[in-house]
Amino acid sequence: PPKMVMISGAPARGNADFPPEAVQHFHEKPVPSHDGHARSNHSSRSIHIQQPRK
């Protein structure tokens, strides 16, 4: 049998420590509730930032 690995006094079981559903939920990126592009589309004019000339 393979040697048992202890981490902080608890046996490490590899992939059996966490169910696949929990790992998948942890890695999923949250979807934003507000669309960031919707705010900038209300103005038809382009944004012009004035910068100092040389």
PDB file of N, CA and C in Angstrom:
ATOM      1  N   PRO A   1       0.829  -1.200   0.000  1.00  0.00           N
ATOM      2  CA  PRO A   1       0.000   0.000   0.000  1.00  0.00           C
ATOM      3  C   PRO A   1       0.869   1.258   0.000  1.00  0.00           C
ATOM      4  N   PRO A   2       0.382   2.349  -0.617  1.00  0.00           N
ATOM      5  CA  PRO A   2       1.164   3.587  -0.639  1.00  0.00           C
ATOM      6  C   PRO A   2       1.254   4.204   0.750  1.00  0.00           C
ATOM      7  N   LYS A   3       2.323   4.941   0.968  1.00  0.00           N
ATOM      8  CA  LYS A   3       2.537   5.569   2.267  1.00  0.00           C
ATOM      9  C   LYS A   3       1.498   6.661   2.490  1.00  0.00           C
ATOM     10  N   MET A   4       0.923   6.689   3.700  1.00  0.00           N
ATOM     11  CA  MET A   4      -0.114   7.665   4.012  1.00  0.00           C
ATOM     12  C   MET A   4       0.531   9.004   4.345  1.00  0.00           C
ATOM     13  N   VAL A   5       0.034  10.071   3.745  1.00  0.00           N
ATOM     14  CA  VAL A   5       0.571  11.404   3.966  1.00  0.00           C
ATOM     15  C   VAL A   5      -0.302  12.105   4.997  1.00  0.00           C
ATOM     16  N   MET A   6       0.349  12.688   6.000  1.00  0.00           N
ATOM     17  CA  MET A   6      -0.376  13.420   7.037  1.00  0.00           C
ATOM     18  C   MET A   6      -0.153  14.914   6.835  1.00  0.00           C
ATOM     19  N   ILE A   7      -1.234  15.675   6.793  1.00  0.00           N
ATOM     20  CA  ILE A   7      -1.167  17.130   6.692  1.00  0.00           C
ATOM     21  C   ILE A   7      -1.876  17.701   7.911  1.00  0.00           C
ATOM     22  N   SER A   8      -1.125  18.377   8.756  1.00  0.00           N
ATOM     23  CA  SER A   8      -1.640  18.965  10.000  1.00  0.00           C
ATOM     24  C   SER A   8      -2.337  17.923  10.863  1.00  0.00           C
ATOM     25  N   GLY A   9      -1.833  16.713  10.865  1.00  0.00           N
ATOM     26  CA  GLY A   9      -2.377  15.660  11.701  1.00  0.00           C
ATOM     27  C   GLY A   9      -3.546  14.910  11.087  1.00  0.00           C
ATOM     28  N   ALA A  10      -3.991  15.304   9.902  1.00  0.00           N
ATOM     29  CA  ALA A  10      -5.107  14.626   9.243  1.00  0.00           C
ATOM     30  C   ALA A  10      -4.586  13.900   8.009  1.00  0.00           C
ATOM     31  N   PRO A  11      -5.089  12.702   7.750  1.00  0.00           N
ATOM     32  CA  PRO A  11      -4.617  11.978   6.558  1.00  0.00           C
ATOM     33  C   PRO A  11      -5.126  12.644   5.278  1.00  0.00           C
ATOM     34  N   ALA A  12      -4.224  12.823   4.319  1.00  0.00           N
ATOM     35  CA  ALA A  12      -4.594  13.396   3.026  1.00  0.00           C
ATOM     36  C   ALA A  12      -5.043  12.271   2.111  1.00  0.00           C
ATOM     37  N   ARG A  13      -6.225  12.396   1.546  1.00  0.00           N
ATOM     38  CA  ARG A  13      -6.772  11.351   0.690  1.00  0.00           C
ATOM     39  C   ARG A  13      -6.769  11.750  -0.773  1.00  0.00           C
ATOM     40  N   GLY A  14      -6.086  12.829  -1.119  1.00  0.00           N
ATOM     41  CA  GLY A  14      -6.017  13.248  -2.520  1.00  0.00           C
ATOM     42  C   GLY A  14      -7.322  13.849  -2.992  1.00  0.00           C
ATOM     43  N   ASN A  15      -7.854  13.321  -4.102  1.00  0.00           N
ATOM     44  CA  ASN A  15      -9.086  13.857  -4.679  1.00  0.00           C
ATOM     45  C   ASN A  15     -10.325  13.491  -3.880  1.00  0.00           C
ATOM     46  N   ALA A  16     -10.219  12.550  -2.953  1.00  0.00           N
ATOM     47  CA  ALA A  16     -11.379  12.142  -2.171  1.00  0.00           C
ATOM     48  C   ALA A  16     -11.696  13.129  -1.055  1.00  0.00           C
ATOM     49  N   ASP A  17     -10.805  14.110  -0.806  1.00  0.00           N
ATOM     50  CA  ASP A  17     -11.052  15.082   0.259  1.00  0.00           C
ATOM     51  C   ASP A  17     -12.223  16.001  -0.070  1.00  0.00           C
ATOM     52  N   PHE A  18     -12.395  16.351  -1.329  1.00  0.00           N
ATOM     53  CA  PHE A  18     -13.451  17.274  -1.734  1.00  0.00           C
ATOM     54  C   PHE A  18     -14.254  16.647  -2.869  1.00  0.00           C
ATOM     55  N   PRO A  19     -15.584  16.747  -2.823  1.00  0.00           N
ATOM     56  CA  PRO A  19     -16.383  16.210  -3.933  1.00  0.00           C
ATOM     57  C   PRO A  19     -16.187  17.047  -5.196  1.00  0.00           C
ATOM     58  N   PRO A  20     -16.314  16.439  -6.377  1.00  0.00           N
ATOM     59  CA  PRO A  20     -16.098  17.182  -7.629  1.00  0.00           C
ATOM     60  C   PRO A  20     -17.030  18.380  -7.788  1.00  0.00           C
ATOM     61  N   GLU A  21     -18.261  18.299  -7.244  1.00  0.00           N
ATOM     62  CA  GLU A  21     -19.197  19.417  -7.357  1.00  0.00           C
ATOM     63  C   GLU A  21     -18.686  20.633  -6.595  1.00  0.00           C
ATOM     64  N   ALA A  22     -18.082  20.415  -5.426  1.00  0.00           N
ATOM     65  CA  ALA A  22     -17.569  21.530  -4.635  1.00  0.00           C
ATOM     66  C   ALA A  22     -16.378  22.182  -5.322  1.00  0.00           C
ATOM     67  N   VAL A  23     -15.516  21.386  -5.936  1.00  0.00           N
ATOM     68  CA  VAL A  23     -14.351  21.933  -6.633  1.00  0.00           C
ATOM     69  C   VAL A  23     -14.800  22.720  -7.859  1.00  0.00           C
ATOM     70  N   GLN A  24     -15.785  22.203  -8.594  1.00  0.00           N
ATOM     71  CA  GLN A  24     -16.283  22.896  -9.783  1.00  0.00           C
ATOM     72  C   GLN A  24     -16.929  24.223  -9.388  1.00  0.00           C
ATOM     73  N   HIS A  25     -17.697  24.227  -8.312  1.00  0.00           N
ATOM     74  CA  HIS A  25     -18.341  25.460  -7.860  1.00  0.00           C
ATOM     75  C   HIS A  25     -17.304  26.482  -7.417  1.00  0.00           C
ATOM     76  N   PHE A  26     -16.220  26.028  -6.812  1.00  0.00           N
ATOM     77  CA  PHE A  26     -15.168  26.935  -6.354  1.00  0.00           C
ATOM     78  C   PHE A  26     -14.452  27.585  -7.533  1.00  0.00           C
ATOM     79  N   HIS A  27     -14.285  26.864  -8.641  1.00  0.00           N
ATOM     80  CA  HIS A  27     -13.529  27.377  -9.779  1.00  0.00           C
ATOM     81  C   HIS A  27     -14.378  28.181 -10.764  1.00  0.00           C
ATOM     82  N   GLU A  28     -15.708  28.160 -10.611  1.00  0.00           N
ATOM     83  CA  GLU A  28     -16.562  28.915 -11.524  1.00  0.00           C
ATOM     84  C   GLU A  28     -16.448  30.406 -11.226  1.00  0.00           C
ATOM     85  N   LYS A  29     -16.346  31.201 -12.290  1.00  0.00           N
ATOM     86  CA  LYS A  29     -16.235  32.644 -12.133  1.00  0.00           C
ATOM     87  C   LYS A  29     -17.636  33.231 -11.948  1.00  0.00           C
ATOM     88  N   PRO A  30     -17.836  34.114 -10.965  1.00  0.00           N
ATOM     89  CA  PRO A  30     -19.167  34.692 -10.775  1.00  0.00           C
ATOM     90  C   PRO A  30     -19.546  35.617 -11.935  1.00  0.00           C
ATOM     91  N   VAL A  31     -20.821  35.613 -12.285  1.00  0.00           N
ATOM     92  CA  VAL A  31     -21.326  36.448 -13.370  1.00  0.00           C
ATOM     93  C   VAL A  31     -21.722  37.804 -12.789  1.00  0.00           C
ATOM     94  N   PRO A  32     -21.281  38.921 -13.384  1.00  0.00           N
ATOM     95  CA  PRO A  32     -21.648  40.232 -12.842  1.00  0.00           C
ATOM     96  C   PRO A  32     -23.148  40.480 -12.972  1.00  0.00           C
ATOM     97  N   SER A  33     -23.734  41.117 -11.963  1.00  0.00           N
ATOM     98  CA  SER A  33     -25.166  41.385 -11.990  1.00  0.00           C
ATOM     99  C   SER A  33     -25.492  42.610 -12.831  1.00  0.00           C
ATOM    100  N   HIS A  34     -24.537  43.529 -12.991  1.00  0.00           N
ATOM    101  CA  HIS A  34     -24.731  44.714 -13.815  1.00  0.00           C
ATOM    102  C   HIS A  34     -23.789  44.659 -15.007  1.00  0.00           C
ATOM    103  N   ASP A  35     -24.292  45.038 -16.165  1.00  0.00           N
ATOM    104  CA  ASP A  35     -23.463  45.073 -17.357  1.00  0.00           C
ATOM    105  C   ASP A  35     -22.674  46.373 -17.359  1.00  0.00           C
ATOM    106  N   GLY A  36     -21.369  46.308 -17.348  1.00  0.00           N
ATOM    107  CA  GLY A  36     -20.529  47.494 -17.289  1.00  0.00           C
ATOM    108  C   GLY A  36     -20.574  48.322 -18.547  1.00  0.00           C
ATOM    109  N   HIS A  37     -20.892  47.706 -19.700  1.00  0.00           N
ATOM    110  CA  HIS A  37     -20.916  48.446 -20.957  1.00  0.00           C
ATOM    111  C   HIS A  37     -22.229  49.195 -21.163  1.00  0.00           C
ATOM    112  N   ALA A  38     -23.251  48.857 -20.410  1.00  0.00           N
ATOM    113  CA  ALA A  38     -24.552  49.490 -20.613  1.00  0.00           C
ATOM    114  C   ALA A  38     -24.524  50.958 -20.200  1.00  0.00           C
ATOM    115  N   ARG A  39     -23.719  51.296 -19.204  1.00  0.00           N
ATOM    116  CA  ARG A  39     -23.664  52.682 -18.735  1.00  0.00           C
ATOM    117  C   ARG A  39     -23.017  53.599 -19.762  1.00  0.00           C
ATOM    118  N   SER A  40     -21.989  53.128 -20.453  1.00  0.00           N
ATOM    119  CA  SER A  40     -21.258  53.982 -21.377  1.00  0.00           C
ATOM    120  C   SER A  40     -21.968  54.129 -22.718  1.00  0.00           C
ATOM    121  N   ASN A  41     -22.969  53.321 -23.004  1.00  0.00           N
ATOM    122  CA  ASN A  41     -23.643  53.382 -24.295  1.00  0.00           C
ATOM    123  C   ASN A  41     -24.777  54.398 -24.337  1.00  0.00           C
ATOM    124  N   HIS A  42     -25.101  55.049 -23.216  1.00  0.00           N
ATOM    125  CA  HIS A  42     -26.211  55.991 -23.230  1.00  0.00           C
ATOM    126  C   HIS A  42     -25.848  57.271 -23.967  1.00  0.00           C
ATOM    127  N   SER A  43     -24.578  57.585 -24.072  1.00  0.00           N
ATOM    128  CA  SER A  43     -24.138  58.783 -24.769  1.00  0.00           C
ATOM    129  C   SER A  43     -23.668  58.398 -26.166  1.00  0.00           C
ATOM    130  N   SER A  44     -24.160  59.119 -27.176  1.00  0.00           N
ATOM    131  CA  SER A  44     -23.771  58.800 -28.544  1.00  0.00           C
ATOM    132  C   SER A  44     -22.425  59.421 -28.903  1.00  0.00           C
ATOM    133  N   ARG A  45     -22.002  60.465 -28.151  1.00  0.00           N
ATOM    134  CA  ARG A  45     -20.717  61.101 -28.441  1.00  0.00           C
ATOM    135  C   ARG A  45     -19.581  60.288 -27.839  1.00  0.00           C
ATOM    136  N   SER A  46     -18.423  60.330 -28.499  1.00  0.00           N
ATOM    137  CA  SER A  46     -17.273  59.617 -27.965  1.00  0.00           C
ATOM    138  C   SER A  46     -16.671  60.414 -26.812  1.00  0.00           C
ATOM    139  N   ILE A  47     -15.993  59.729 -25.943  1.00  0.00           N
ATOM    140  CA  ILE A  47     -15.375  60.367 -24.785  1.00  0.00           C
ATOM    141  C   ILE A  47     -14.047  60.966 -25.218  1.00  0.00           C
ATOM    142  N   HIS A  48     -13.858  62.254 -24.938  1.00  0.00           N
ATOM    143  CA  HIS A  48     -12.627  62.945 -25.297  1.00  0.00           C
ATOM    144  C   HIS A  48     -12.006  63.495 -24.018  1.00  0.00           C
ATOM    145  N   ILE A  49     -10.810  63.033 -23.698  1.00  0.00           N
ATOM    146  CA  ILE A  49     -10.106  63.486 -22.509  1.00  0.00           C
ATOM    147  C   ILE A  49      -9.094  64.533 -22.933  1.00  0.00           C
ATOM    148  N   GLN A  50      -9.201  65.739 -22.374  1.00  0.00           N
ATOM    149  CA  GLN A  50      -8.265  66.804 -22.717  1.00  0.00           C
ATOM    150  C   GLN A  50      -6.952  66.573 -21.983  1.00  0.00           C
ATOM    151  N   GLN A  51      -5.863  66.615 -22.738  1.00  0.00           N
ATOM    152  CA  GLN A  51      -4.541  66.435 -22.169  1.00  0.00           C
ATOM    153  C   GLN A  51      -3.683  67.637 -22.531  1.00  0.00           C
ATOM    154  N   PRO A  52      -2.749  67.991 -21.676  1.00  0.00           N
ATOM    155  CA  PRO A  52      -1.906  69.156 -21.964  1.00  0.00           C
ATOM    156  C   PRO A  52      -1.025  68.924 -23.190  1.00  0.00           C
ATOM    157  N   ARG A  53      -0.790  70.010 -23.921  1.00  0.00           N
ATOM    158  CA  ARG A  53       0.075  69.927 -25.097  1.00  0.00           C
ATOM    159  C   ARG A  53       1.508  70.174 -24.693  1.00  0.00           C
ATOM    160  N   LYS A  54       2.402  69.723 -25.543  1.00  0.00           N
ATOM    161  CA  LYS A  54       3.828  69.937 -25.286  1.00  0.00           C
ATOM    162  C   LYS A  54       4.233  71.329 -25.671  1.00  0.00           C
TER     163      LYS A  54
END
